[in-house]
Amino acid sequence: MRRFASDYGLGIALAAIFLVTMMVHTWSGWMMYASEQMQHSSQPLLWGDDGYIWTWLENTFQNWQSEFLQMVGTVVLTTFLVHRHSQQSADDMDLMNARVEQILAMLEEQQGTAEESK
């Protein structure tokens, strides 16, 4: 068990954080839903046509949609598009690689001329 926790500590921690936040989200959402239902003299229900499950699903997927769209947009778009001199763009890295190649070619050329003169 100790080896498992050592090997997968990050996954375990993220799963625990996810579960705790989902429980807090569910509980706080239920409290708000039940309060609104009581204000309208209605009984709070978990299932059914106007049950809490629909409010919970809407809130959860609305949040996930915005987060995943943001993340996917950032990751995918920065893979294919360039914003010159930003950290995500590879333009500076391409320039550096070209300069390294140029230096290596010059060194190889100098080594070739040094060997010929011997």
PDB file of N, CA and C in Angstrom:
ATOM      1  N   MET A   1       0.833  -1.199   0.000  1.00  0.00           N
ATOM      2  CA  MET A   1       0.000   0.000   0.000  1.00  0.00           C
ATOM      3  C   MET A   1       0.874   1.259   0.000  1.00  0.00           C
ATOM      4  N   ARG A   2       1.968   1.206   0.744  1.00  0.00           N
ATOM      5  CA  ARG A   2       2.863   2.349   0.816  1.00  0.00           C
ATOM      6  C   ARG A   2       3.482   2.642  -0.550  1.00  0.00           C
ATOM      7  N   ARG A   3       3.852   1.582  -1.267  1.00  0.00           N
ATOM      8  CA  ARG A   3       4.438   1.738  -2.608  1.00  0.00           C
ATOM      9  C   ARG A   3       3.399   2.324  -3.560  1.00  0.00           C
ATOM     10  N   PHE A   4       2.165   1.864  -3.461  1.00  0.00           N
ATOM     11  CA  PHE A   4       1.090   2.386  -4.307  1.00  0.00           C
ATOM     12  C   PHE A   4       0.899   3.879  -4.062  1.00  0.00           C
ATOM     13  N   ALA A   5       0.869   4.276  -2.801  1.00  0.00           N
ATOM     14  CA  ALA A   5       0.703   5.696  -2.462  1.00  0.00           C
ATOM     15  C   ALA A   5       1.890   6.511  -2.954  1.00  0.00           C
ATOM     16  N   SER A   6       3.071   5.941  -2.886  1.00  0.00           N
ATOM     17  CA  SER A   6       4.258   6.638  -3.371  1.00  0.00           C
ATOM     18  C   SER A   6       4.242   6.777  -4.891  1.00  0.00           C
ATOM     19  N   ASP A   7       3.833   5.728  -5.579  1.00  0.00           N
ATOM     20  CA  ASP A   7       3.823   5.731  -7.048  1.00  0.00           C
ATOM     21  C   ASP A   7       2.689   6.569  -7.630  1.00  0.00           C
ATOM     22  N   TYR A   8       1.573   6.622  -6.938  1.00  0.00           N
ATOM     23  CA  TYR A   8       0.388   7.295  -7.476  1.00  0.00           C
ATOM     24  C   TYR A   8      -0.132   8.393  -6.565  1.00  0.00           C
ATOM     25  N   GLY A   9       0.765   9.029  -5.810  1.00  0.00           N
ATOM     26  CA  GLY A   9       0.375  10.061  -4.845  1.00  0.00           C
ATOM     27  C   GLY A   9      -0.362  11.229  -5.478  1.00  0.00           C
ATOM     28  N   LEU A  10       0.114  11.684  -6.640  1.00  0.00           N
ATOM     29  CA  LEU A  10      -0.540  12.807  -7.308  1.00  0.00           C
ATOM     30  C   LEU A  10      -1.969  12.445  -7.709  1.00  0.00           C
ATOM     31  N   GLY A  11      -2.150  11.279  -8.282  1.00  0.00           N
ATOM     32  CA  GLY A  11      -3.491  10.837  -8.677  1.00  0.00           C
ATOM     33  C   GLY A  11      -4.425  10.684  -7.488  1.00  0.00           C
ATOM     34  N   ILE A  12      -3.899  10.140  -6.396  1.00  0.00           N
ATOM     35  CA  ILE A  12      -4.697   9.964  -5.180  1.00  0.00           C
ATOM     36  C   ILE A  12      -5.102  11.327  -4.620  1.00  0.00           C
ATOM     37  N   ALA A  13      -4.147  12.256  -4.563  1.00  0.00           N
ATOM     38  CA  ALA A  13      -4.447  13.592  -4.039  1.00  0.00           C
ATOM     39  C   ALA A  13      -5.478  14.303  -4.910  1.00  0.00           C
ATOM     40  N   LEU A  14      -5.317  14.238  -6.231  1.00  0.00           N
ATOM     41  CA  LEU A  14      -6.283  14.895  -7.121  1.00  0.00           C
ATOM     42  C   LEU A  14      -7.662  14.254  -7.026  1.00  0.00           C
ATOM     43  N   ALA A  15      -7.713  12.925  -6.916  1.00  0.00           N
ATOM     44  CA  ALA A  15      -9.001  12.242  -6.768  1.00  0.00           C
ATOM     45  C   ALA A  15      -9.674  12.642  -5.452  1.00  0.00           C
ATOM     46  N   ALA A  16      -8.901  12.737  -4.379  1.00  0.00           N
ATOM     47  CA  ALA A  16      -9.462  13.142  -3.083  1.00  0.00           C
ATOM     48  C   ALA A  16      -9.980  14.567  -3.141  1.00  0.00           C
ATOM     49  N   ILE A  17      -9.204  15.466  -3.743  1.00  0.00           N
ATOM     50  CA  ILE A  17      -9.652  16.857  -3.874  1.00  0.00           C
ATOM     51  C   ILE A  17     -10.914  16.928  -4.716  1.00  0.00           C
ATOM     52  N   PHE A  18     -10.958  16.167  -5.796  1.00  0.00           N
ATOM     53  CA  PHE A  18     -12.145  16.145  -6.651  1.00  0.00           C
ATOM     54  C   PHE A  18     -13.368  15.668  -5.876  1.00  0.00           C
ATOM     55  N   LEU A  19     -13.223  14.558  -5.154  1.00  0.00           N
ATOM     56  CA  LEU A  19     -14.362  14.017  -4.404  1.00  0.00           C
ATOM     57  C   LEU A  19     -14.841  14.985  -3.324  1.00  0.00           C
ATOM     58  N   VAL A  20     -13.917  15.598  -2.612  1.00  0.00           N
ATOM     59  CA  VAL A  20     -14.309  16.546  -1.562  1.00  0.00           C
ATOM     60  C   VAL A  20     -15.030  17.738  -2.171  1.00  0.00           C
ATOM     61  N   THR A  21     -14.489  18.301  -3.246  1.00  0.00           N
ATOM     62  CA  THR A  21     -15.139  19.470  -3.854  1.00  0.00           C
ATOM     63  C   THR A  21     -16.493  19.115  -4.449  1.00  0.00           C
ATOM     64  N   MET A  22     -16.637  17.918  -5.001  1.00  0.00           N
ATOM     65  CA  MET A  22     -17.943  17.520  -5.535  1.00  0.00           C
ATOM     66  C   MET A  22     -18.958  17.331  -4.410  1.00  0.00           C
ATOM     67  N   MET A  23     -18.510  16.801  -3.278  1.00  0.00           N
ATOM     68  CA  MET A  23     -19.428  16.653  -2.144  1.00  0.00           C
ATOM     69  C   MET A  23     -19.858  18.019  -1.613  1.00  0.00           C
ATOM     70  N   VAL A  24     -18.922  18.959  -1.520  1.00  0.00           N
ATOM     71  CA  VAL A  24     -19.264  20.312  -1.058  1.00  0.00           C
ATOM     72  C   VAL A  24     -20.199  20.976  -2.063  1.00  0.00           C
ATOM     73  N   HIS A  25     -19.913  20.816  -3.351  1.00  0.00           N
ATOM     74  CA  HIS A  25     -20.772  21.371  -4.408  1.00  0.00           C
ATOM     75  C   HIS A  25     -22.187  20.797  -4.308  1.00  0.00           C
ATOM     76  N   THR A  26     -22.272  19.490  -4.125  1.00  0.00           N
ATOM     77  CA  THR A  26     -23.578  18.825  -4.042  1.00  0.00           C
ATOM     78  C   THR A  26     -24.335  19.266  -2.792  1.00  0.00           C
ATOM     79  N   TRP A  27     -23.661  19.291  -1.655  1.00  0.00           N
ATOM     80  CA  TRP A  27     -24.322  19.669  -0.404  1.00  0.00           C
ATOM     81  C   TRP A  27     -24.776  21.126  -0.434  1.00  0.00           C
ATOM     82  N   SER A  28     -23.896  22.030  -0.867  1.00  0.00           N
ATOM     83  CA  SER A  28     -24.279  23.450  -0.884  1.00  0.00           C
ATOM     84  C   SER A  28     -25.385  23.704  -1.904  1.00  0.00           C
ATOM     85  N   GLY A  29     -25.338  23.016  -3.023  1.00  0.00           N
ATOM     86  CA  GLY A  29     -26.405  23.143  -4.011  1.00  0.00           C
ATOM     87  C   GLY A  29     -27.735  22.641  -3.481  1.00  0.00           C
ATOM     88  N   TRP A  30     -27.690  21.516  -2.756  1.00  0.00           N
ATOM     89  CA  TRP A  30     -28.914  20.971  -2.166  1.00  0.00           C
ATOM     90  C   TRP A  30     -29.509  21.949  -1.149  1.00  0.00           C
ATOM     91  N   MET A  31     -28.655  22.566  -0.339  1.00  0.00           N
ATOM     92  CA  MET A  31     -29.136  23.505   0.667  1.00  0.00           C
ATOM     93  C   MET A  31     -29.820  24.705   0.004  1.00  0.00           C
ATOM     94  N   MET A  32     -29.231  25.216  -1.061  1.00  0.00           N
ATOM     95  CA  MET A  32     -29.848  26.343  -1.779  1.00  0.00           C
ATOM     96  C   MET A  32     -31.161  25.914  -2.432  1.00  0.00           C
ATOM     97  N   TYR A  33     -31.157  24.741  -3.060  1.00  0.00           N
ATOM     98  CA  TYR A  33     -32.359  24.226  -3.724  1.00  0.00           C
ATOM     99  C   TYR A  33     -33.486  24.017  -2.707  1.00  0.00           C
ATOM    100  N   ALA A  34     -33.157  23.383  -1.583  1.00  0.00           N
ATOM    101  CA  ALA A  34     -34.170  23.121  -0.556  1.00  0.00           C
ATOM    102  C   ALA A  34     -34.714  24.426   0.003  1.00  0.00           C
ATOM    103  N   SER A  35     -33.869  25.409   0.198  1.00  0.00           N
ATOM    104  CA  SER A  35     -34.308  26.708   0.697  1.00  0.00           C
ATOM    105  C   SER A  35     -35.282  27.370  -0.278  1.00  0.00           C
ATOM    106  N   GLU A  36     -34.943  27.338  -1.562  1.00  0.00           N
ATOM    107  CA  GLU A  36     -35.837  27.925  -2.570  1.00  0.00           C
ATOM    108  C   GLU A  36     -37.171  27.197  -2.625  1.00  0.00           C
ATOM    109  N   GLN A  37     -37.131  25.868  -2.519  1.00  0.00           N
ATOM    110  CA  GLN A  37     -38.372  25.097  -2.544  1.00  0.00           C
ATOM    111  C   GLN A  37     -39.251  25.424  -1.329  1.00  0.00           C
ATOM    112  N   MET A  38     -38.639  25.578  -0.167  1.00  0.00           N
ATOM    113  CA  MET A  38     -39.393  25.910   1.039  1.00  0.00           C
ATOM    114  C   MET A  38     -40.006  27.302   0.949  1.00  0.00           C
ATOM    115  N   GLN A  39     -39.279  28.251   0.321  1.00  0.00           N
ATOM    116  CA  GLN A  39     -39.805  29.606   0.155  1.00  0.00           C
ATOM    117  C   GLN A  39     -41.051  29.614  -0.723  1.00  0.00           C
ATOM    118  N   HIS A  40     -41.123  28.657  -1.643  1.00  0.00           N
ATOM    119  CA  HIS A  40     -42.287  28.562  -2.537  1.00  0.00           C
ATOM    120  C   HIS A  40     -43.304  27.544  -2.032  1.00  0.00           C
ATOM    121  N   SER A  41     -43.192  27.195  -0.780  1.00  0.00           N
ATOM    122  CA  SER A  41     -44.093  26.235  -0.132  1.00  0.00           C
ATOM    123  C   SER A  41     -44.155  24.922  -0.890  1.00  0.00           C
ATOM    124  N   SER A  42     -43.011  24.459  -1.315  1.00  0.00           N
ATOM    125  CA  SER A  42     -42.921  23.208  -2.050  1.00  0.00           C
ATOM    126  C   SER A  42     -41.939  22.294  -1.342  1.00  0.00           C
ATOM    127  N   GLN A  43     -42.115  21.023  -1.523  1.00  0.00           N
ATOM    128  CA  GLN A  43     -41.254  20.032  -0.892  1.00  0.00           C
ATOM    129  C   GLN A  43     -40.009  19.804  -1.761  1.00  0.00           C
ATOM    130  N   PRO A  44     -38.784  19.908  -1.206  1.00  0.00           N
ATOM    131  CA  PRO A  44     -37.589  19.631  -2.007  1.00  0.00           C
ATOM    132  C   PRO A  44     -37.487  18.142  -2.324  1.00  0.00           C
ATOM    133  N   LEU A  45     -37.315  17.829  -3.593  1.00  0.00           N
ATOM    134  CA  LEU A  45     -37.220  16.450  -4.048  1.00  0.00           C
ATOM    135  C   LEU A  45     -35.876  16.227  -4.739  1.00  0.00           C
ATOM    136  N   LEU A  46     -35.345  15.035  -4.577  1.00  0.00           N
ATOM    137  CA  LEU A  46     -34.092  14.705  -5.249  1.00  0.00           C
ATOM    138  C   LEU A  46     -34.359  14.277  -6.687  1.00  0.00           C
ATOM    139  N   TRP A  47     -35.355  13.427  -6.902  1.00  0.00           N
ATOM    140  CA  TRP A  47     -35.694  12.900  -8.231  1.00  0.00           C
ATOM    141  C   TRP A  47     -37.007  13.494  -8.698  1.00  0.00           C
ATOM    142  N   GLY A  48     -37.353  13.234  -9.917  1.00  0.00           N
ATOM    143  CA  GLY A  48     -38.621  13.710 -10.465  1.00  0.00           C
ATOM    144  C   GLY A  48     -38.409  14.824 -11.470  1.00  0.00           C
ATOM    145  N   ASP A  49     -39.524  15.308 -12.018  1.00  0.00           N
ATOM    146  CA  ASP A  49     -39.448  16.334 -13.055  1.00  0.00           C
ATOM    147  C   ASP A  49     -38.826  17.634 -12.570  1.00  0.00           C
ATOM    148  N   ASP A  50     -39.053  18.005 -11.322  1.00  0.00           N
ATOM    149  CA  ASP A  50     -38.466  19.237 -10.796  1.00  0.00           C
ATOM    150  C   ASP A  50     -37.548  18.957  -9.606  1.00  0.00           C
ATOM    151  N   GLY A  51     -36.912  17.781  -9.632  1.00  0.00           N
ATOM    152  CA  GLY A  51     -36.014  17.383  -8.555  1.00  0.00           C
ATOM    153  C   GLY A  51     -34.664  18.075  -8.628  1.00  0.00           C
ATOM    154  N   TYR A  52     -33.933  17.974  -7.549  1.00  0.00           N
ATOM    155  CA  TYR A  52     -32.627  18.615  -7.435  1.00  0.00           C
ATOM    156  C   TYR A  52     -31.623  18.070  -8.444  1.00  0.00           C
ATOM    157  N   ILE A  53     -31.788  16.823  -8.848  1.00  0.00           N
ATOM    158  CA  ILE A  53     -30.825  16.208  -9.758  1.00  0.00           C
ATOM    159  C   ILE A  53     -30.649  17.032 -11.032  1.00  0.00           C
ATOM    160  N   TRP A  54     -31.704  17.647 -11.528  1.00  0.00           N
ATOM    161  CA  TRP A  54     -31.621  18.436 -12.765  1.00  0.00           C
ATOM    162  C   TRP A  54     -30.863  19.740 -12.541  1.00  0.00           C
ATOM    163  N   THR A  55     -31.082  20.357 -11.398  1.00  0.00           N
ATOM    164  CA  THR A  55     -30.339  21.568 -11.055  1.00  0.00           C
ATOM    165  C   THR A  55     -28.860  21.243 -10.878  1.00  0.00           C
ATOM    166  N   TRP A  56     -28.589  20.124 -10.203  1.00  0.00           N
ATOM    167  CA  TRP A  56     -27.213  19.698  -9.968  1.00  0.00           C
ATOM    168  C   TRP A  56     -26.502  19.404 -11.288  1.00  0.00           C
ATOM    169  N   LEU A  57     -27.159  18.660 -12.175  1.00  0.00           N
ATOM    170  CA  LEU A  57     -26.560  18.340 -13.473  1.00  0.00           C
ATOM    171  C   LEU A  57     -26.300  19.596 -14.296  1.00  0.00           C
ATOM    172  N   GLU A  58     -27.251  20.507 -14.307  1.00  0.00           N
ATOM    173  CA  GLU A  58     -27.073  21.741 -15.078  1.00  0.00           C
ATOM    174  C   GLU A  58     -25.888  22.539 -14.562  1.00  0.00           C
ATOM    175  N   ASN A  59     -25.818  22.729 -13.252  1.00  0.00           N
ATOM    176  CA  ASN A  59     -24.723  23.508 -12.667  1.00  0.00           C
ATOM    177  C   ASN A  59     -23.369  22.832 -12.883  1.00  0.00           C
ATOM    178  N   THR A  60     -23.335  21.528 -12.698  1.00  0.00           N
ATOM    179  CA  THR A  60     -22.080  20.795 -12.843  1.00  0.00           C
ATOM    180  C   THR A  60     -21.575  20.844 -14.274  1.00  0.00           C
ATOM    181  N   PHE A  61     -22.423  20.510 -15.237  1.00  0.00           N
ATOM    182  CA  PHE A  61     -21.962  20.462 -16.619  1.00  0.00           C
ATOM    183  C   PHE A  61     -21.748  21.848 -17.211  1.00  0.00           C
ATOM    184  N   GLN A  62     -22.447  22.826 -16.717  1.00  0.00           N
ATOM    185  CA  GLN A  62     -22.205  24.197 -17.171  1.00  0.00           C
ATOM    186  C   GLN A  62     -20.806  24.633 -16.751  1.00  0.00           C
ATOM    187  N   ASN A  63     -20.421  24.318 -15.537  1.00  0.00           N
ATOM    188  CA  ASN A  63     -19.079  24.651 -15.056  1.00  0.00           C
ATOM    189  C   ASN A  63     -18.024  23.844 -15.802  1.00  0.00           C
ATOM    190  N   TRP A  64     -18.231  22.559 -15.959  1.00  0.00           N
ATOM    191  CA  TRP A  64     -17.262  21.710 -16.649  1.00  0.00           C
ATOM    192  C   TRP A  64     -17.106  22.136 -18.103  1.00  0.00           C
ATOM    193  N   GLN A  65     -18.215  22.488 -18.728  1.00  0.00           N
ATOM    194  CA  GLN A  65     -18.157  22.899 -20.129  1.00  0.00           C
ATOM    195  C   GLN A  65     -17.257  24.119 -20.291  1.00  0.00           C
ATOM    196  N   SER A  66     -17.440  25.113 -19.435  1.00  0.00           N
ATOM    197  CA  SER A  66     -16.618  26.317 -19.571  1.00  0.00           C
ATOM    198  C   SER A  66     -15.150  26.010 -19.287  1.00  0.00           C
ATOM    199  N   GLU A  67     -14.873  25.181 -18.284  1.00  0.00           N
ATOM    200  CA  GLU A  67     -13.482  24.861 -17.935  1.00  0.00           C
ATOM    201  C   GLU A  67     -12.816  24.036 -19.024  1.00  0.00           C
ATOM    202  N   PHE A  68     -13.511  23.000 -19.507  1.00  0.00           N
ATOM    203  CA  PHE A  68     -12.908  22.149 -20.528  1.00  0.00           C
ATOM    204  C   PHE A  68     -12.770  22.875 -21.850  1.00  0.00           C
ATOM    205  N   LEU A  69     -13.726  23.716 -22.201  1.00  0.00           N
ATOM    206  CA  LEU A  69     -13.594  24.487 -23.432  1.00  0.00           C
ATOM    207  C   LEU A  69     -12.400  25.432 -23.352  1.00  0.00           C
ATOM    208  N   GLN A  70     -12.208  26.040 -22.217  1.00  0.00           N
ATOM    209  CA  GLN A  70     -11.067  26.934 -22.030  1.00  0.00           C
ATOM    210  C   GLN A  70      -9.759  26.153 -22.154  1.00  0.00           C
ATOM    211  N   MET A  71      -9.670  25.023 -21.470  1.00  0.00           N
ATOM    212  CA  MET A  71      -8.438  24.239 -21.483  1.00  0.00           C
ATOM    213  C   MET A  71      -8.167  23.664 -22.871  1.00  0.00           C
ATOM    214  N   VAL A  72      -9.174  23.078 -23.487  1.00  0.00           N
ATOM    215  CA  VAL A  72      -8.992  22.501 -24.819  1.00  0.00           C
ATOM    216  C   VAL A  72      -8.642  23.600 -25.819  1.00  0.00           C
ATOM    217  N   GLY A  73      -9.316  24.721 -25.719  1.00  0.00           N
ATOM    218  CA  GLY A  73      -9.014  25.827 -26.618  1.00  0.00           C
ATOM    219  C   GLY A  73      -7.586  26.292 -26.468  1.00  0.00           C
ATOM    220  N   THR A  74      -7.134  26.438 -25.245  1.00  0.00           N
ATOM    221  CA  THR A  74      -5.771  26.888 -25.012  1.00  0.00           C
ATOM    222  C   THR A  74      -4.757  25.864 -25.514  1.00  0.00           C
ATOM    223  N   VAL A  75      -4.955  24.609 -25.182  1.00  0.00           N
ATOM    224  CA  VAL A  75      -3.997  23.569 -25.565  1.00  0.00           C
ATOM    225  C   VAL A  75      -4.000  23.336 -27.070  1.00  0.00           C
ATOM    226  N   VAL A  76      -5.187  23.159 -27.648  1.00  0.00           N
ATOM    227  CA  VAL A  76      -5.273  22.842 -29.072  1.00  0.00           C
ATOM    228  C   VAL A  76      -4.853  24.028 -29.929  1.00  0.00           C
ATOM    229  N   LEU A  77      -5.347  25.200 -29.613  1.00  0.00           N
ATOM    230  CA  LEU A  77      -5.019  26.351 -30.442  1.00  0.00           C
ATOM    231  C   LEU A  77      -3.539  26.709 -30.361  1.00  0.00           C
ATOM    232  N   THR A  78      -2.929  26.582 -29.181  1.00  0.00           N
ATOM    233  CA  THR A  78      -1.502  26.894 -29.099  1.00  0.00           C
ATOM    234  C   THR A  78      -0.649  25.825 -29.769  1.00  0.00           C
ATOM    235  N   THR A  79      -1.222  24.662 -30.029  1.00  0.00           N
ATOM    236  CA  THR A  79      -0.504  23.641 -30.770  1.00  0.00           C
ATOM    237  C   THR A  79      -0.383  24.019 -32.242  1.00  0.00           C
ATOM    238  N   PHE A  80      -1.417  24.644 -32.776  1.00  0.00           N
ATOM    239  CA  PHE A  80      -1.452  24.916 -34.209  1.00  0.00           C
ATOM    240  C   PHE A  80      -1.213  26.376 -34.579  1.00  0.00           C
ATOM    241  N   LEU A  81      -1.458  27.293 -33.666  1.00  0.00           N
ATOM    242  CA  LEU A  81      -1.330  28.706 -33.976  1.00  0.00           C
ATOM    243  C   LEU A  81      -0.153  29.318 -33.238  1.00  0.00           C
ATOM    244  N   VAL A  82       0.313  30.435 -33.729  1.00  0.00           N
ATOM    245  CA  VAL A  82       1.468  31.100 -33.142  1.00  0.00           C
ATOM    246  C   VAL A  82       1.072  32.496 -32.688  1.00  0.00           C
ATOM    247  N   HIS A  83       1.530  32.869 -31.522  1.00  0.00           N
ATOM    248  CA  HIS A  83       1.443  34.245 -31.054  1.00  0.00           C
ATOM    249  C   HIS A  83       2.886  34.622 -30.738  1.00  0.00           C
ATOM    250  N   ARG A  84       3.500  35.321 -31.659  1.00  0.00           N
ATOM    251  CA  ARG A  84       4.937  35.567 -31.607  1.00  0.00           C
ATOM    252  C   ARG A  84       5.366  36.090 -30.241  1.00  0.00           C
ATOM    253  N   HIS A  85       6.414  35.479 -29.716  1.00  0.00           N
ATOM    254  CA  HIS A  85       7.065  35.826 -28.454  1.00  0.00           C
ATOM    255  C   HIS A  85       6.246  35.484 -27.207  1.00  0.00           C
ATOM    256  N   SER A  86       5.206  34.681 -27.331  1.00  0.00           N
ATOM    257  CA  SER A  86       4.514  34.224 -26.125  1.00  0.00           C
ATOM    258  C   SER A  86       5.204  32.960 -25.621  1.00  0.00           C
ATOM    259  N   GLN A  87       4.988  32.626 -24.375  1.00  0.00           N
ATOM    260  CA  GLN A  87       5.627  31.435 -23.808  1.00  0.00           C
ATOM    261  C   GLN A  87       5.150  30.158 -24.480  1.00  0.00           C
ATOM    262  N   GLN A  88       3.906  30.156 -24.955  1.00  0.00           N
ATOM    263  CA  GLN A  88       3.351  28.955 -25.536  1.00  0.00           C
ATOM    264  C   GLN A  88       3.803  28.733 -26.974  1.00  0.00           C
ATOM    265  N   SER A  89       4.217  29.770 -27.651  1.00  0.00           N
ATOM    266  CA  SER A  89       4.608  29.640 -29.050  1.00  0.00           C
ATOM    267  C   SER A  89       6.045  29.177 -29.157  1.00  0.00           C
ATOM    268  N   ALA A  90       6.303  28.406 -30.198  1.00  0.00           N
ATOM    269  CA  ALA A  90       7.631  27.817 -30.378  1.00  0.00           C
ATOM    270  C   ALA A  90       8.517  28.670 -31.279  1.00  0.00           C
ATOM    271  N   ASP A  91       8.116  29.896 -31.597  1.00  0.00           N
ATOM    272  CA  ASP A  91       8.885  30.701 -32.545  1.00  0.00           C
ATOM    273  C   ASP A  91      10.292  30.979 -32.044  1.00  0.00           C
ATOM    274  N   ASP A  92      10.460  31.301 -30.779  1.00  0.00           N
ATOM    275  CA  ASP A  92      11.794  31.535 -30.231  1.00  0.00           C
ATOM    276  C   ASP A  92      12.608  30.246 -30.225  1.00  0.00           C
ATOM    277  N   MET A  93      11.963  29.133 -29.930  1.00  0.00           N
ATOM    278  CA  MET A  93      12.653  27.850 -29.928  1.00  0.00           C
ATOM    279  C   MET A  93      13.102  27.486 -31.343  1.00  0.00           C
ATOM    280  N   ASP A  94      12.288  27.763 -32.336  1.00  0.00           N
ATOM    281  CA  ASP A  94      12.657  27.497 -33.726  1.00  0.00           C
ATOM    282  C   ASP A  94      13.866  28.330 -34.118  1.00  0.00           C
ATOM    283  N   LEU A  95      13.885  29.583 -33.713  1.00  0.00           N
ATOM    284  CA  LEU A  95      15.011  30.464 -34.000  1.00  0.00           C
ATOM    285  C   LEU A  95      16.278  29.963 -33.307  1.00  0.00           C
ATOM    286  N   MET A  96      16.148  29.543 -32.060  1.00  0.00           N
ATOM    287  CA  MET A  96      17.290  29.024 -31.325  1.00  0.00           C
ATOM    288  C   MET A  96      17.814  27.743 -31.978  1.00  0.00           C
ATOM    289  N   ASN A  97      16.912  26.856 -32.374  1.00  0.00           N
ATOM    290  CA  ASN A  97      17.333  25.621 -33.044  1.00  0.00           C
ATOM    291  C   ASN A  97      18.055  25.922 -34.350  1.00  0.00           C
ATOM    292  N   ALA A  98      17.583  26.883 -35.100  1.00  0.00           N
ATOM    293  CA  ALA A  98      18.248  27.266 -36.354  1.00  0.00           C
ATOM    294  C   ALA A  98      19.646  27.799 -36.075  1.00  0.00           C
ATOM    295  N   ARG A  99      19.803  28.580 -35.041  1.00  0.00           N
ATOM    296  CA  ARG A  99      21.125  29.113 -34.692  1.00  0.00           C
ATOM    297  C   ARG A  99      22.069  28.007 -34.221  1.00  0.00           C
ATOM    298  N   VAL A 100      21.555  27.071 -33.454  1.00  0.00           N
ATOM    299  CA  VAL A 100      22.373  25.936 -33.015  1.00  0.00           C
ATOM    300  C   VAL A 100      22.833  25.129 -34.224  1.00  0.00           C
ATOM    301  N   GLU A 101      21.923  24.879 -35.153  1.00  0.00           N
ATOM    302  CA  GLU A 101      22.296  24.154 -36.375  1.00  0.00           C
ATOM    303  C   GLU A 101      23.376  24.912 -37.145  1.00  0.00           C
ATOM    304  N   GLN A 102      23.252  26.210 -37.208  1.00  0.00           N
ATOM    305  CA  GLN A 102      24.238  27.041 -37.906  1.00  0.00           C
ATOM    306  C   GLN A 102      25.601  26.942 -37.211  1.00  0.00           C
ATOM    307  N   ILE A 103      25.630  26.988 -35.906  1.00  0.00           N
ATOM    308  CA  ILE A 103      26.875  26.884 -35.145  1.00  0.00           C
ATOM    309  C   ILE A 103      27.502  25.507 -35.347  1.00  0.00           C
ATOM    310  N   LEU A 104      26.676  24.454 -35.307  1.00  0.00           N
ATOM    311  CA  LEU A 104      27.192  23.106 -35.515  1.00  0.00           C
ATOM    312  C   LEU A 104      27.791  22.954 -36.906  1.00  0.00           C
ATOM    313  N   ALA A 105      27.141  23.523 -37.902  1.00  0.00           N
ATOM    314  CA  ALA A 105      27.663  23.457 -39.268  1.00  0.00           C
ATOM    315  C   ALA A 105      29.003  24.180 -39.358  1.00  0.00           C
ATOM    316  N   MET A 106      29.115  25.325 -38.698  1.00  0.00           N
ATOM    317  CA  MET A 106      30.374  26.076 -38.707  1.00  0.00           C
ATOM    318  C   MET A 106      31.478  25.269 -38.007  1.00  0.00           C
ATOM    319  N   LEU A 107      31.166  24.621 -36.902  1.00  0.00           N
ATOM    320  CA  LEU A 107      32.155  23.807 -36.189  1.00  0.00           C
ATOM    321  C   LEU A 107      32.625  22.631 -37.040  1.00  0.00           C
ATOM    322  N   GLU A 108      31.664  21.973 -37.692  1.00  0.00           N
ATOM    323  CA  GLU A 108      32.026  20.856 -38.562  1.00  0.00           C
ATOM    324  C   GLU A 108      32.914  21.335 -39.703  1.00  0.00           C
ATOM    325  N   GLU A 109      32.614  22.491 -40.240  1.00  0.00           N
ATOM    326  CA  GLU A 109      33.418  23.057 -41.329  1.00  0.00           C
ATOM    327  C   GLU A 109      34.835  23.375 -40.841  1.00  0.00           C
ATOM    328  N   GLN A 110      34.954  23.942 -39.640  1.00  0.00           N
ATOM    329  CA  GLN A 110      36.264  24.272 -39.073  1.00  0.00           C
ATOM    330  C   GLN A 110      37.065  23.012 -38.762  1.00  0.00           C
ATOM    331  N   GLN A 111      36.386  21.983 -38.273  1.00  0.00           N
ATOM    332  CA  GLN A 111      37.081  20.726 -37.972  1.00  0.00           C
ATOM    333  C   GLN A 111      37.568  20.075 -39.259  1.00  0.00           C
ATOM    334  N   GLY A 112      36.761  20.212 -40.332  1.00  0.00           N
ATOM    335  CA  GLY A 112      37.171  19.645 -41.622  1.00  0.00           C
ATOM    336  C   GLY A 112      38.388  20.354 -42.171  1.00  0.00           C
ATOM    337  N   THR A 113      38.454  21.670 -42.083  1.00  0.00           N
ATOM    338  CA  THR A 113      39.612  22.425 -42.570  1.00  0.00           C
ATOM    339  C   THR A 113      40.830  22.208 -41.686  1.00  0.00           C
ATOM    340  N   ALA A 114      40.637  21.992 -40.386  1.00  0.00           N
ATOM    341  CA  ALA A 114      41.757  21.742 -39.467  1.00  0.00           C
ATOM    342  C   ALA A 114      42.383  20.375 -39.777  1.00  0.00           C
ATOM    343  N   GLU A 115      41.564  19.399 -40.101  1.00  0.00           N
ATOM    344  CA  GLU A 115      42.072  18.057 -40.411  1.00  0.00           C
ATOM    345  C   GLU A 115      42.793  18.062 -41.752  1.00  0.00           C
ATOM    346  N   GLU A 116      42.339  18.877 -42.711  1.00  0.00           N
ATOM    347  CA  GLU A 116      42.975  18.952 -44.024  1.00  0.00           C
ATOM    348  C   GLU A 116      44.350  19.602 -43.930  1.00  0.00           C
ATOM    349  N   SER A 117      44.511  20.543 -43.011  1.00  0.00           N
ATOM    350  CA  SER A 117      45.785  21.264 -42.901  1.00  0.00           C
ATOM    351  C   SER A 117      46.855  20.432 -42.185  1.00  0.00           C
ATOM    352  N   LYS A 118      46.479  19.356 -41.547  1.00  0.00           N
ATOM    353  CA  LYS A 118      47.453  18.490 -40.836  1.00  0.00           C
ATOM    354  C   LYS A 118      48.230  17.704 -41.773  1.00  0.00           C
TER     355      LYS A 118
END
